[in-house]
Amino acid sequence: GLGRLPGTDGKAKMSKSLYNSIYLSDSPDTIRKKIMSMYTDPNHVQINDPGQIEVKTVFTYLDAICSDTDQLLKLK
């Protein structure tokens, strides 16, 4: 099963009090804004810079919800 996901800010877990949660009741626009503002690798400044997948919250979410493993590997 799916365990806890980190908060959108990369903290240990989502928390209502930290305002880093995505709710099932959020509108598609709100969800998009939250995803687009997620914590990512601060060392990956330019497109050609090597990235560290393990510190990218976005990939933690993709690992949890993406069923297309080929597409997921391409993104990584």
PDB file of N, CA and C in Angstrom:
ATOM      1  N   GLY A   1       0.795  -1.180   0.000  1.00  0.00           N
ATOM      2  CA  GLY A   1       0.000   0.000   0.000  1.00  0.00           C
ATOM      3  C   GLY A   1       0.848   1.259   0.000  1.00  0.00           C
ATOM      4  N   LEU A   2       0.194   2.331  -0.152  1.00  0.00           N
ATOM      5  CA  LEU A   2       0.838   3.638  -0.191  1.00  0.00           C
ATOM      6  C   LEU A   2       1.038   4.153   1.221  1.00  0.00           C
ATOM      7  N   GLY A   3       2.270   4.487   1.556  1.00  0.00           N
ATOM      8  CA  GLY A   3       2.580   5.058   2.860  1.00  0.00           C
ATOM      9  C   GLY A   3       2.380   6.562   2.845  1.00  0.00           C
ATOM     10  N   ARG A   4       2.970   7.224   3.791  1.00  0.00           N
ATOM     11  CA  ARG A   4       2.873   8.685   3.861  1.00  0.00           C
ATOM     12  C   ARG A   4       3.746   9.324   2.790  1.00  0.00           C
ATOM     13  N   LEU A   5       3.223  10.378   2.223  1.00  0.00           N
ATOM     14  CA  LEU A   5       3.994  11.163   1.267  1.00  0.00           C
ATOM     15  C   LEU A   5       4.565  12.373   1.987  1.00  0.00           C
ATOM     16  N   PRO A   6       5.740  12.836   1.554  1.00  0.00           N
ATOM     17  CA  PRO A   6       6.285  14.040   2.182  1.00  0.00           C
ATOM     18  C   PRO A   6       5.437  15.249   1.837  1.00  0.00           C
ATOM     19  N   GLY A   7       5.567  16.285   2.622  1.00  0.00           N
ATOM     20  CA  GLY A   7       4.875  17.530   2.316  1.00  0.00           C
ATOM     21  C   GLY A   7       5.421  18.139   1.040  1.00  0.00           C
ATOM     22  N   THR A   8       4.674  19.035   0.451  1.00  0.00           N
ATOM     23  CA  THR A   8       5.087  19.654  -0.806  1.00  0.00           C
ATOM     24  C   THR A   8       6.361  20.481  -0.652  1.00  0.00           C
ATOM     25  N   ASP A   9       6.744  20.783   0.582  1.00  0.00           N
ATOM     26  CA  ASP A   9       7.974  21.535   0.832  1.00  0.00           C
ATOM     27  C   ASP A   9       9.165  20.632   1.117  1.00  0.00           C
ATOM     28  N   GLY A  10       8.971  19.303   1.003  1.00  0.00           N
ATOM     29  CA  GLY A  10      10.051  18.353   1.229  1.00  0.00           C
ATOM     30  C   GLY A  10      10.228  17.949   2.678  1.00  0.00           C
ATOM     31  N   LYS A  11       9.336  18.395   3.558  1.00  0.00           N
ATOM     32  CA  LYS A  11       9.418  18.028   4.973  1.00  0.00           C
ATOM     33  C   LYS A  11       9.025  16.564   5.142  1.00  0.00           C
ATOM     34  N   ALA A  12       9.155  16.074   6.361  1.00  0.00           N
ATOM     35  CA  ALA A  12       8.929  14.664   6.645  1.00  0.00           C
ATOM     36  C   ALA A  12       7.536  14.172   6.260  1.00  0.00           C
ATOM     37  N   LYS A  13       6.517  14.937   6.501  1.00  0.00           N
ATOM     38  CA  LYS A  13       5.165  14.501   6.142  1.00  0.00           C
ATOM     39  C   LYS A  13       4.292  15.714   5.864  1.00  0.00           C
ATOM     40  N   MET A  14       3.177  15.448   5.197  1.00  0.00           N
ATOM     41  CA  MET A  14       2.212  16.526   4.970  1.00  0.00           C
ATOM     42  C   MET A  14       1.613  16.935   6.307  1.00  0.00           C
ATOM     43  N   SER A  15       1.353  18.215   6.443  1.00  0.00           N
ATOM     44  CA  SER A  15       0.781  18.712   7.682  1.00  0.00           C
ATOM     45  C   SER A  15      -0.106  19.913   7.387  1.00  0.00           C
ATOM     46  N   LYS A  16      -1.320  19.847   7.880  1.00  0.00           N
ATOM     47  CA  LYS A  16      -2.244  20.967   7.700  1.00  0.00           C
ATOM     48  C   LYS A  16      -1.667  22.242   8.303  1.00  0.00           C
ATOM     49  N   SER A  17      -1.019  22.121   9.457  1.00  0.00           N
ATOM     50  CA  SER A  17      -0.484  23.301  10.135  1.00  0.00           C
ATOM     51  C   SER A  17       0.738  23.893   9.428  1.00  0.00           C
ATOM     52  N   LEU A  18       1.427  23.099   8.602  1.00  0.00           N
ATOM     53  CA  LEU A  18       2.582  23.604   7.852  1.00  0.00           C
ATOM     54  C   LEU A  18       2.200  24.075   6.451  1.00  0.00           C
ATOM     55  N   TYR A  19       0.933  23.921   6.109  1.00  0.00           N
ATOM     56  CA  TYR A  19       0.432  24.340   4.791  1.00  0.00           C
ATOM     57  C   TYR A  19       1.211  23.681   3.651  1.00  0.00           C
ATOM     58  N   ASN A  20       1.551  22.398   3.819  1.00  0.00           N
ATOM     59  CA  ASN A  20       2.292  21.687   2.788  1.00  0.00           C
ATOM     60  C   ASN A  20       1.560  20.427   2.323  1.00  0.00           C
ATOM     61  N   SER A  21       0.241  20.478   2.363  1.00  0.00           N
ATOM     62  CA  SER A  21      -0.588  19.329   2.018  1.00  0.00           C
ATOM     63  C   SER A  21      -1.329  19.536   0.707  1.00  0.00           C
ATOM     64  N   ILE A  22      -1.640  18.417   0.062  1.00  0.00           N
ATOM     65  CA  ILE A  22      -2.534  18.411  -1.093  1.00  0.00           C
ATOM     66  C   ILE A  22      -3.778  17.653  -0.644  1.00  0.00           C
ATOM     67  N   TYR A  23      -4.918  18.294  -0.770  1.00  0.00           N
ATOM     68  CA  TYR A  23      -6.168  17.703  -0.305  1.00  0.00           C
ATOM     69  C   TYR A  23      -6.969  17.131  -1.465  1.00  0.00           C
ATOM     70  N   LEU A  24      -7.708  16.075  -1.196  1.00  0.00           N
ATOM     71  CA  LEU A  24      -8.594  15.505  -2.212  1.00  0.00           C
ATOM     72  C   LEU A  24      -9.633  16.515  -2.661  1.00  0.00           C
ATOM     73  N   SER A  25      -9.958  17.456  -1.801  1.00  0.00           N
ATOM     74  CA  SER A  25     -10.966  18.471  -2.128  1.00  0.00           C
ATOM     75  C   SER A  25     -10.383  19.678  -2.868  1.00  0.00           C
ATOM     76  N   ASP A  26      -9.052  19.731  -3.036  1.00  0.00           N
ATOM     77  CA  ASP A  26      -8.437  20.847  -3.770  1.00  0.00           C
ATOM     78  C   ASP A  26      -8.884  20.837  -5.226  1.00  0.00           C
ATOM     79  N   SER A  27      -9.039  22.018  -5.784  1.00  0.00           N
ATOM     80  CA  SER A  27      -9.394  22.132  -7.204  1.00  0.00           C
ATOM     81  C   SER A  27      -8.188  21.729  -8.054  1.00  0.00           C
ATOM     82  N   PRO A  28      -8.420  21.330  -9.307  1.00  0.00           N
ATOM     83  CA  PRO A  28      -7.294  20.997 -10.193  1.00  0.00           C
ATOM     84  C   PRO A  28      -6.273  22.134 -10.290  1.00  0.00           C
ATOM     85  N   ASP A  29      -6.739  23.377 -10.318  1.00  0.00           N
ATOM     86  CA  ASP A  29      -5.832  24.515 -10.404  1.00  0.00           C
ATOM     87  C   ASP A  29      -4.973  24.636  -9.143  1.00  0.00           C
ATOM     88  N   THR A  30      -5.575  24.424  -7.992  1.00  0.00           N
ATOM     89  CA  THR A  30      -4.841  24.484  -6.727  1.00  0.00           C
ATOM     90  C   THR A  30      -3.810  23.364  -6.655  1.00  0.00           C
ATOM     91  N   ILE A  31      -4.199  22.163  -7.076  1.00  0.00           N
ATOM     92  CA  ILE A  31      -3.268  21.029  -7.080  1.00  0.00           C
ATOM     93  C   ILE A  31      -2.093  21.320  -8.001  1.00  0.00           C
ATOM     94  N   ARG A  32      -2.375  21.861  -9.173  1.00  0.00           N
ATOM     95  CA  ARG A  32      -1.313  22.195 -10.128  1.00  0.00           C
ATOM     96  C   ARG A  32      -0.342  23.202  -9.517  1.00  0.00           C
ATOM     97  N   LYS A  33      -0.865  24.230  -8.872  1.00  0.00           N
ATOM     98  CA  LYS A  33      -0.012  25.245  -8.244  1.00  0.00           C
ATOM     99  C   LYS A  33       0.859  24.637  -7.148  1.00  0.00           C
ATOM    100  N   LYS A  34       0.283  23.751  -6.361  1.00  0.00           N
ATOM    101  CA  LYS A  34       1.046  23.113  -5.290  1.00  0.00           C
ATOM    102  C   LYS A  34       2.148  22.224  -5.857  1.00  0.00           C
ATOM    103  N   ILE A  35       1.832  21.466  -6.891  1.00  0.00           N
ATOM    104  CA  ILE A  35       2.829  20.594  -7.511  1.00  0.00           C
ATOM    105  C   ILE A  35       3.943  21.418  -8.154  1.00  0.00           C
ATOM    106  N   MET A  36       3.578  22.490  -8.830  1.00  0.00           N
ATOM    107  CA  MET A  36       4.576  23.324  -9.500  1.00  0.00           C
ATOM    108  C   MET A  36       5.483  24.059  -8.506  1.00  0.00           C
ATOM    109  N   SER A  37       5.062  24.155  -7.250  1.00  0.00           N
ATOM    110  CA  SER A  37       5.885  24.836  -6.245  1.00  0.00           C
ATOM    111  C   SER A  37       6.617  23.857  -5.327  1.00  0.00           C
ATOM    112  N   MET A  38       6.602  22.562  -5.665  1.00  0.00           N
ATOM    113  CA  MET A  38       7.241  21.558  -4.817  1.00  0.00           C
ATOM    114  C   MET A  38       8.744  21.758  -4.722  1.00  0.00           C
ATOM    115  N   TYR A  39       9.267  21.354  -3.599  1.00  0.00           N
ATOM    116  CA  TYR A  39      10.700  21.367  -3.336  1.00  0.00           C
ATOM    117  C   TYR A  39      11.411  20.486  -4.353  1.00  0.00           C
ATOM    118  N   THR A  40      12.501  20.996  -4.915  1.00  0.00           N
ATOM    119  CA  THR A  40      13.322  20.210  -5.833  1.00  0.00           C
ATOM    120  C   THR A  40      14.785  20.365  -5.451  1.00  0.00           C
ATOM    121  N   ASP A  41      15.646  19.718  -6.180  1.00  0.00           N
ATOM    122  CA  ASP A  41      17.086  19.738  -5.935  1.00  0.00           C
ATOM    123  C   ASP A  41      17.637  21.149  -6.148  1.00  0.00           C
ATOM    124  N   PRO A  42      18.145  21.808  -5.102  1.00  0.00           N
ATOM    125  CA  PRO A  42      18.640  23.181  -5.252  1.00  0.00           C
ATOM    126  C   PRO A  42      19.905  23.289  -6.107  1.00  0.00           C
ATOM    127  N   ASN A  43      20.599  22.168  -6.328  1.00  0.00           N
ATOM    128  CA  ASN A  43      21.815  22.175  -7.143  1.00  0.00           C
ATOM    129  C   ASN A  43      21.526  22.012  -8.631  1.00  0.00           C
ATOM    130  N   HIS A  44      20.293  21.707  -8.974  1.00  0.00           N
ATOM    131  CA  HIS A  44      19.904  21.503 -10.376  1.00  0.00           C
ATOM    132  C   HIS A  44      19.342  22.825 -10.906  1.00  0.00           C
ATOM    133  N   VAL A  45      20.249  23.724 -11.279  1.00  0.00           N
ATOM    134  CA  VAL A  45      19.861  25.065 -11.704  1.00  0.00           C
ATOM    135  C   VAL A  45      19.606  25.116 -13.205  1.00  0.00           C
ATOM    136  N   GLN A  46      20.509  24.560 -13.984  1.00  0.00           N
ATOM    137  CA  GLN A  46      20.384  24.533 -15.439  1.00  0.00           C
ATOM    138  C   GLN A  46      19.862  23.169 -15.876  1.00  0.00           C
ATOM    139  N   ILE A  47      19.213  23.109 -17.025  1.00  0.00           N
ATOM    140  CA  ILE A  47      18.624  21.865 -17.526  1.00  0.00           C
ATOM    141  C   ILE A  47      19.665  20.757 -17.671  1.00  0.00           C
ATOM    142  N   ASN A  48      20.904  21.109 -17.986  1.00  0.00           N
ATOM    143  CA  ASN A  48      21.949  20.104 -18.191  1.00  0.00           C
ATOM    144  C   ASN A  48      22.700  19.735 -16.917  1.00  0.00           C
ATOM    145  N   ASP A  49      22.416  20.406 -15.806  1.00  0.00           N
ATOM    146  CA  ASP A  49      23.055  20.073 -14.536  1.00  0.00           C
ATOM    147  C   ASP A  49      22.572  18.709 -14.070  1.00  0.00           C
ATOM    148  N   PRO A  50      23.486  17.888 -13.525  1.00  0.00           N
ATOM    149  CA  PRO A  50      23.028  16.597 -12.994  1.00  0.00           C
ATOM    150  C   PRO A  50      22.125  16.831 -11.788  1.00  0.00           C
ATOM    151  N   GLY A  51      21.107  16.029 -11.672  1.00  0.00           N
ATOM    152  CA  GLY A  51      20.173  16.168 -10.560  1.00  0.00           C
ATOM    153  C   GLY A  51      20.274  15.001  -9.599  1.00  0.00           C
ATOM    154  N   GLN A  52      19.717  15.171  -8.432  1.00  0.00           N
ATOM    155  CA  GLN A  52      19.664  14.119  -7.428  1.00  0.00           C
ATOM    156  C   GLN A  52      18.203  13.741  -7.229  1.00  0.00           C
ATOM    157  N   ILE A  53      17.807  12.631  -7.823  1.00  0.00           N
ATOM    158  CA  ILE A  53      16.411  12.199  -7.780  1.00  0.00           C
ATOM    159  C   ILE A  53      15.933  11.990  -6.349  1.00  0.00           C
ATOM    160  N   GLU A  54      16.817  11.512  -5.475  1.00  0.00           N
ATOM    161  CA  GLU A  54      16.395  11.189  -4.112  1.00  0.00           C
ATOM    162  C   GLU A  54      15.964  12.398  -3.300  1.00  0.00           C
ATOM    163  N   VAL A  55      16.300  13.614  -3.720  1.00  0.00           N
ATOM    164  CA  VAL A  55      15.869  14.798  -2.973  1.00  0.00           C
ATOM    165  C   VAL A  55      14.728  15.538  -3.665  1.00  0.00           C
ATOM    166  N   LYS A  56      14.185  14.965  -4.701  1.00  0.00           N
ATOM    167  CA  LYS A  56      13.108  15.623  -5.437  1.00  0.00           C
ATOM    168  C   LYS A  56      11.758  15.062  -5.004  1.00  0.00           C
ATOM    169  N   THR A  57      11.016  15.864  -4.283  1.00  0.00           N
ATOM    170  CA  THR A  57       9.702  15.463  -3.796  1.00  0.00           C
ATOM    171  C   THR A  57       8.783  15.054  -4.938  1.00  0.00           C
ATOM    172  N   VAL A  58       8.916  15.709  -6.078  1.00  0.00           N
ATOM    173  CA  VAL A  58       8.068  15.397  -7.230  1.00  0.00           C
ATOM    174  C   VAL A  58       8.209  13.927  -7.613  1.00  0.00           C
ATOM    175  N   PHE A  59       9.430  13.392  -7.603  1.00  0.00           N
ATOM    176  CA  PHE A  59       9.627  11.998  -7.977  1.00  0.00           C
ATOM    177  C   PHE A  59       9.086  11.042  -6.919  1.00  0.00           C
ATOM    178  N   THR A  60       9.068  11.443  -5.672  1.00  0.00           N
ATOM    179  CA  THR A  60       8.450  10.625  -4.632  1.00  0.00           C
ATOM    180  C   THR A  60       6.964  10.457  -4.930  1.00  0.00           C
ATOM    181  N   TYR A  61       6.322  11.544  -5.346  1.00  0.00           N
ATOM    182  CA  TYR A  61       4.905  11.489  -5.707  1.00  0.00           C
ATOM    183  C   TYR A  61       4.702  10.651  -6.967  1.00  0.00           C
ATOM    184  N   LEU A  62       5.548  10.858  -7.975  1.00  0.00           N
ATOM    185  CA  LEU A  62       5.425  10.079  -9.209  1.00  0.00           C
ATOM    186  C   LEU A  62       5.605   8.593  -8.940  1.00  0.00           C
ATOM    187  N   ASP A  63       6.581   8.230  -8.108  1.00  0.00           N
ATOM    188  CA  ASP A  63       6.784   6.824  -7.759  1.00  0.00           C
ATOM    189  C   ASP A  63       5.530   6.230  -7.129  1.00  0.00           C
ATOM    190  N   ALA A  64       4.814   7.035  -6.361  1.00  0.00           N
ATOM    191  CA  ALA A  64       3.626   6.558  -5.656  1.00  0.00           C
ATOM    192  C   ALA A  64       2.406   6.426  -6.559  1.00  0.00           C
ATOM    193  N   ILE A  65       2.278   7.301  -7.568  1.00  0.00           N
ATOM    194  CA  ILE A  65       1.021   7.326  -8.326  1.00  0.00           C
ATOM    195  C   ILE A  65       1.137   6.973  -9.800  1.00  0.00           C
ATOM    196  N   CYS A  66       2.343   6.954 -10.352  1.00  0.00           N
ATOM    197  CA  CYS A  66       2.500   6.702 -11.787  1.00  0.00           C
ATOM    198  C   CYS A  66       2.597   5.201 -12.044  1.00  0.00           C
ATOM    199  N   SER A  67       1.712   4.672 -12.868  1.00  0.00           N
ATOM    200  CA  SER A  67       1.736   3.247 -13.186  1.00  0.00           C
ATOM    201  C   SER A  67       2.530   2.951 -14.457  1.00  0.00           C
ATOM    202  N   ASP A  68       2.902   3.971 -15.205  1.00  0.00           N
ATOM    203  CA  ASP A  68       3.668   3.802 -16.444  1.00  0.00           C
ATOM    204  C   ASP A  68       5.161   3.871 -16.116  1.00  0.00           C
ATOM    205  N   THR A  69       5.750   2.711 -15.810  1.00  0.00           N
ATOM    206  CA  THR A  69       7.147   2.689 -15.380  1.00  0.00           C
ATOM    207  C   THR A  69       8.106   3.154 -16.472  1.00  0.00           C
ATOM    208  N   ASP A  70       7.797   2.887 -17.732  1.00  0.00           N
ATOM    209  CA  ASP A  70       8.656   3.359 -18.822  1.00  0.00           C
ATOM    210  C   ASP A  70       8.698   4.886 -18.852  1.00  0.00           C
ATOM    211  N   GLN A  71       7.540   5.519 -18.734  1.00  0.00           N
ATOM    212  CA  GLN A  71       7.476   6.982 -18.723  1.00  0.00           C
ATOM    213  C   GLN A  71       8.196   7.544 -17.499  1.00  0.00           C
ATOM    214  N   LEU A  72       8.034   6.882 -16.370  1.00  0.00           N
ATOM    215  CA  LEU A  72       8.684   7.323 -15.140  1.00  0.00           C
ATOM    216  C   LEU A  72      10.203   7.281 -15.283  1.00  0.00           C
ATOM    217  N   LEU A  73      10.722   6.213 -15.872  1.00  0.00           N
ATOM    218  CA  LEU A  73      12.168   6.106 -16.083  1.00  0.00           C
ATOM    219  C   LEU A  73      12.675   7.183 -17.031  1.00  0.00           C
ATOM    220  N   LYS A  74      11.898   7.523 -18.046  1.00  0.00           N
ATOM    221  CA  LYS A  74      12.284   8.591 -18.976  1.00  0.00           C
ATOM    222  C   LYS A  74      12.368   9.931 -18.252  1.00  0.00           C
ATOM    223  N   LEU A  75      11.432  10.183 -17.352  1.00  0.00           N
ATOM    224  CA  LEU A  75      11.419  11.440 -16.607  1.00  0.00           C
ATOM    225  C   LEU A  75      12.603  11.549 -15.652  1.00  0.00           C
ATOM    226  N   LYS A  76      12.988  10.412 -15.093  1.00  0.00           N
ATOM    227  CA  LYS A  76      14.108  10.412 -14.149  1.00  0.00           C
ATOM    228  C   LYS A  76      15.408  10.551 -14.896  1.00  0.00           C
TER     229      LYS A  76
END
